[in-house]
Protein backbone atom coordinates (compact mmCIF):
# COMPACT_ATOMS: atom_id res chain seq x y z
CA MET A 1 43.75 38.10 123.40
CA ASN A 2 43.74 41.33 121.90
CA LYS A 3 44.55 44.51 123.92
CA VAL A 4 42.61 47.90 123.83
CA PHE A 5 44.89 50.53 124.04
CA PRO A 6 43.55 53.96 125.04
CA GLN A 7 43.64 56.86 122.44
CA VAL A 8 43.60 60.65 122.94
CA ASP A 9 41.53 62.43 120.69
CA GLY A 10 41.78 65.81 119.36
CA ASN A 11 41.16 67.74 123.23
CA GLY A 12 43.80 65.47 124.88
CA ASN A 13 40.96 62.60 126.32
CA ALA A 14 41.10 59.85 126.51
CA ALA A 15 39.42 57.23 124.06
CA ALA A 16 38.06 53.83 124.09
CA GLY A 17 40.82 52.04 121.93
CA THR A 18 39.68 50.23 118.81
CA GLU A 19 40.12 46.59 118.79
CA ALA A 20 41.32 44.28 115.60
CA LEU A 21 38.67 41.97 114.82
CA PRO A 22 40.22 38.55 114.22
CA GLY A 23 39.88 37.49 110.27
CA GLY A 24 38.22 40.88 109.22
CA GLU A 25 39.10 42.41 106.13
CA ALA A 26 41.98 45.31 105.99
CA ASP A 27 42.01 47.62 103.71
CA CYS A 28 44.63 46.93 100.72
CA SER A 29 47.93 47.78 101.67
CA PRO A 30 50.15 49.39 99.02
CA LEU A 31 52.49 46.11 98.56
CA CYS A 32 49.09 43.99 97.84
CA CYS A 33 47.99 46.59 95.41
CA SER A 34 51.21 46.21 94.00
CA HIS A 35 50.90 42.53 93.80
CA ARG A 36 47.52 42.88 92.23
CA GLY A 37 48.77 44.51 89.15
CA ALA A 38 51.60 42.99 88.65
CA PHE A 39 49.15 39.67 88.28
CA LEU A 40 46.41 41.74 85.87
CA SER A 41 49.28 43.09 83.77
CA ALA A 42 50.73 39.81 83.16
CA PHE A 43 47.26 37.93 82.41
CA LEU A 44 46.69 40.50 79.98
CA LEU A 45 50.47 40.15 78.69
CA LEU A 46 49.71 36.19 78.11
CA LEU A 47 46.53 36.58 76.53
CA LEU A 48 47.88 39.66 73.95
CA ALA A 49 51.05 37.14 73.14
CA THR A 50 48.09 34.00 72.40
CA LEU A 51 46.20 36.39 70.22
CA ALA A 52 49.43 37.28 68.29
CA ALA A 53 50.25 34.13 67.48
CA LEU A 54 47.05 32.98 66.77
CA ILE A 55 47.19 36.20 63.99
CA ALA A 56 50.65 35.36 62.74
CA LEU A 57 49.62 31.47 62.42
CA VAL A 58 46.26 32.06 60.34
CA ALA A 59 48.95 34.75 58.61
CA ILE A 60 51.36 32.04 57.91
CA LEU A 61 49.31 29.22 56.96
CA GLY A 62 46.14 31.13 55.78
CA PRO A 63 42.35 30.73 56.81
CA PRO A 64 41.36 27.48 57.38
CA PRO A 65 39.04 25.88 54.45
CA ARG A 66 35.37 26.86 54.26
CA THR A 67 32.85 23.48 54.22
CA PRO A 68 31.19 24.25 50.60
CA GLY A 69 27.39 23.57 52.48
CA ALA A 70 26.66 23.08 48.56
CA GLN A 71 22.67 24.03 48.35
CA ALA A 72 20.92 23.17 45.00
CA CYS A 73 19.01 25.90 43.22
CA VAL A 74 16.88 25.93 39.87
CA THR A 75 18.61 28.27 36.97
CA LEU A 76 16.56 30.31 34.82
CA MET A 77 16.12 27.38 32.30
CA ASN A 78 14.03 25.15 35.16
CA ARG A 79 17.29 23.12 35.39
CA THR A 80 19.27 21.61 38.45
CA GLY A 81 21.62 24.19 39.53
CA PHE A 82 23.91 25.07 42.31
CA LEU A 83 24.00 27.99 44.75
CA CYS A 84 26.44 30.46 45.21
CA HIS A 85 27.01 31.56 48.36
CA ASP A 86 25.50 35.03 47.89
CA ARG A 87 22.50 33.03 48.00
CA ARG A 88 21.24 34.77 44.65
CA SER A 89 23.44 33.34 42.30
CA CYS A 90 22.52 30.07 41.09
CA VAL A 91 24.87 28.18 38.53
CA PRO A 92 23.97 25.34 36.22
CA ALA A 93 25.16 22.51 37.56
CA SER A 94 27.75 21.31 34.33
CA ARG A 95 29.35 25.07 35.01
CA VAL A 96 30.60 23.63 38.54
CA CYS A 97 34.32 22.55 38.91
CA ASP A 98 34.37 23.28 34.89
CA GLY A 99 37.99 25.29 35.85
CA VAL A 100 36.31 28.50 35.70
CA ARG A 101 34.78 30.22 38.05
CA THR A 102 31.37 31.56 38.01
CA CYS A 103 30.68 32.54 41.32
CA ALA A 104 31.47 36.20 42.59
CA HIS A 105 34.04 34.07 45.23
CA GLY A 106 34.68 31.27 43.15
CA GLU A 107 32.84 28.75 45.36
CA ASP A 108 31.71 26.81 42.75
CA GLU A 109 35.68 25.76 42.07
CA GLU A 110 36.41 25.41 45.28
CA GLU A 111 39.61 22.43 46.09
CA ALA A 112 37.09 20.92 48.43
CA LEU A 113 34.54 20.48 46.04
CA CYS A 114 36.43 19.82 42.46
CA ARG A 115 39.42 18.08 43.98
CA ASP A 116 37.72 14.70 43.23
CA VAL A 117 35.27 14.96 40.90
CA PRO A 118 32.18 13.49 40.83
CA GLN A 119 32.91 11.89 44.36
CA ASN A 120 33.41 14.74 45.73
CA LEU A 121 30.18 16.97 44.39
CA PRO A 122 26.70 16.85 46.35
CA SER A 123 24.49 14.28 44.83
CA PHE A 124 22.12 16.38 43.46
CA LEU A 125 24.73 17.78 40.76
CA VAL A 126 25.34 13.91 39.50
CA GLU A 127 23.54 11.48 37.49
CA ARG A 128 24.43 8.27 36.61
CA CYS A 129 23.82 6.60 33.09
CA GLY A 130 23.08 3.00 31.97
CA ASP A 131 26.74 2.09 32.37
CA PRO A 132 27.26 2.89 36.05
CA ALA A 133 30.97 3.96 35.74
CA SER A 134 29.44 6.72 33.54
CA TRP A 135 28.21 10.08 34.73
CA ILE A 136 26.75 13.14 34.00
CA TYR A 137 26.00 16.82 35.73
CA SER A 138 21.66 16.78 36.20
CA ASP A 139 21.14 19.56 34.14
CA GLN A 140 22.52 17.38 30.94
CA LYS A 141 19.53 14.73 31.68
CA CYS A 142 16.30 14.93 29.47
CA ASP A 143 18.05 17.81 27.38
CA GLY A 144 17.67 16.16 23.71
CA ILE A 145 21.61 15.88 23.78
CA ASN A 146 23.13 12.10 24.10
CA ASN A 147 25.19 12.97 26.78
CA CYS A 148 25.98 9.49 28.16
CA GLY A 149 26.73 8.18 24.76
CA ASP A 150 23.63 5.30 24.89
CA CYS A 151 20.91 7.66 25.35
CA SER A 152 20.10 6.15 28.97
CA ASP A 153 20.29 9.96 30.04
CA GLU A 154 16.63 10.51 27.25
CA LEU A 155 15.55 7.59 27.48
CA SER A 156 13.42 4.78 29.59
CA PRO A 157 14.21 2.51 31.63
CA VAL A 158 17.33 4.66 33.41
CA SER A 159 15.54 8.08 32.43
CA THR A 160 11.88 8.83 32.22
CA CYS A 161 11.94 12.13 29.96
CA LEU A 162 8.96 14.26 29.03
CA LEU A 163 8.10 14.46 25.12
CA CYS A 164 9.96 16.67 22.87
CA SER A 165 9.54 20.22 23.84
CA PRO A 166 8.08 22.72 20.82
CA GLY A 167 11.78 23.76 19.25
CA TRP A 168 12.33 19.72 19.08
CA TRP A 169 11.06 16.79 16.34
CA ARG A 170 9.87 13.75 17.66
CA CYS A 171 11.60 10.47 15.55
CA PRO A 172 13.79 7.56 15.81
CA SER A 173 16.80 9.42 15.33
CA THR A 174 19.96 8.53 12.66
CA VAL A 175 21.90 10.83 14.56
CA PHE A 176 23.84 9.84 17.24
CA LYS A 177 24.56 12.91 18.96
CA TYR A 178 20.43 12.72 19.49
CA CYS A 179 17.44 10.03 20.70
CA SER A 180 14.43 10.42 20.39
CA CYS A 181 14.28 14.22 19.29
CA ILE A 182 15.88 16.45 16.58
CA PRO A 183 15.66 20.25 17.08
CA ARG A 184 13.21 21.34 14.61
CA SER A 185 15.95 23.81 12.79
CA LEU A 186 17.10 20.24 10.75
CA CYS A 187 13.76 19.53 9.78
CA ARG A 188 13.56 19.80 5.73
CA ASP A 189 17.56 20.52 5.40
CA HIS A 190 17.59 17.69 2.55
CA VAL A 191 19.15 15.76 5.05
CA GLN A 192 18.21 12.81 6.84
CA HIS A 193 18.07 13.17 10.57
CA CYS A 194 15.02 10.40 11.35
CA SER A 195 15.11 6.93 10.38
CA ASP A 196 11.44 7.77 8.76
CA TRP A 197 12.35 10.30 6.99
CA SER A 198 9.68 12.36 8.71
CA ASP A 199 11.80 15.04 9.36
CA GLU A 200 12.20 15.48 5.78
CA TYR A 201 8.50 15.04 5.47
CA SER A 202 6.22 15.35 7.96
CA CYS A 203 8.23 17.74 10.43
CA PRO A 204 6.90 21.72 9.77
CA GLY A 205 10.12 23.19 10.31
CA PRO A 206 11.28 25.75 12.46
């Protein structure tokens, strides 16, 4: 049982005492506040030490590698390309992993992308030839050039390419560099480029 002690007011009159309530919260004593401050300081120091350790680790090991996150785009020549991280520059497919950094930050030459070509390249950058072991960049398909070596990138059944563009002449070519079209600049040059000689007799030239 708590005792009530009489108290004297400023006039010397006796006043009712106060009673300490069980479980009541008292004001924080200087010792208690000191302990709380010490705990808070220790926590902040630990947090700062952890942050400093992380910064030191990144400085030593370097930042974590970025995921290429490659996205397709269409070049000015209406060919498949690789979209740079600036979301504006479109690099032709055949210029990805060619040893030259074309994107402003070099993401077209990142190790994660170019370490194992063509396995690490996104599928939109790669086209398979008639021989499954051979491949070309997607922007080399249907460009008039025999990039696969067997014309499978220019002729069916592997490729379905449109007719020759205006700057080309369609004929059965005798030049291994071309398949079914030759540049009109080769017409009427006194050299046979088509097996039917149409490049010398029928082609109007460039």
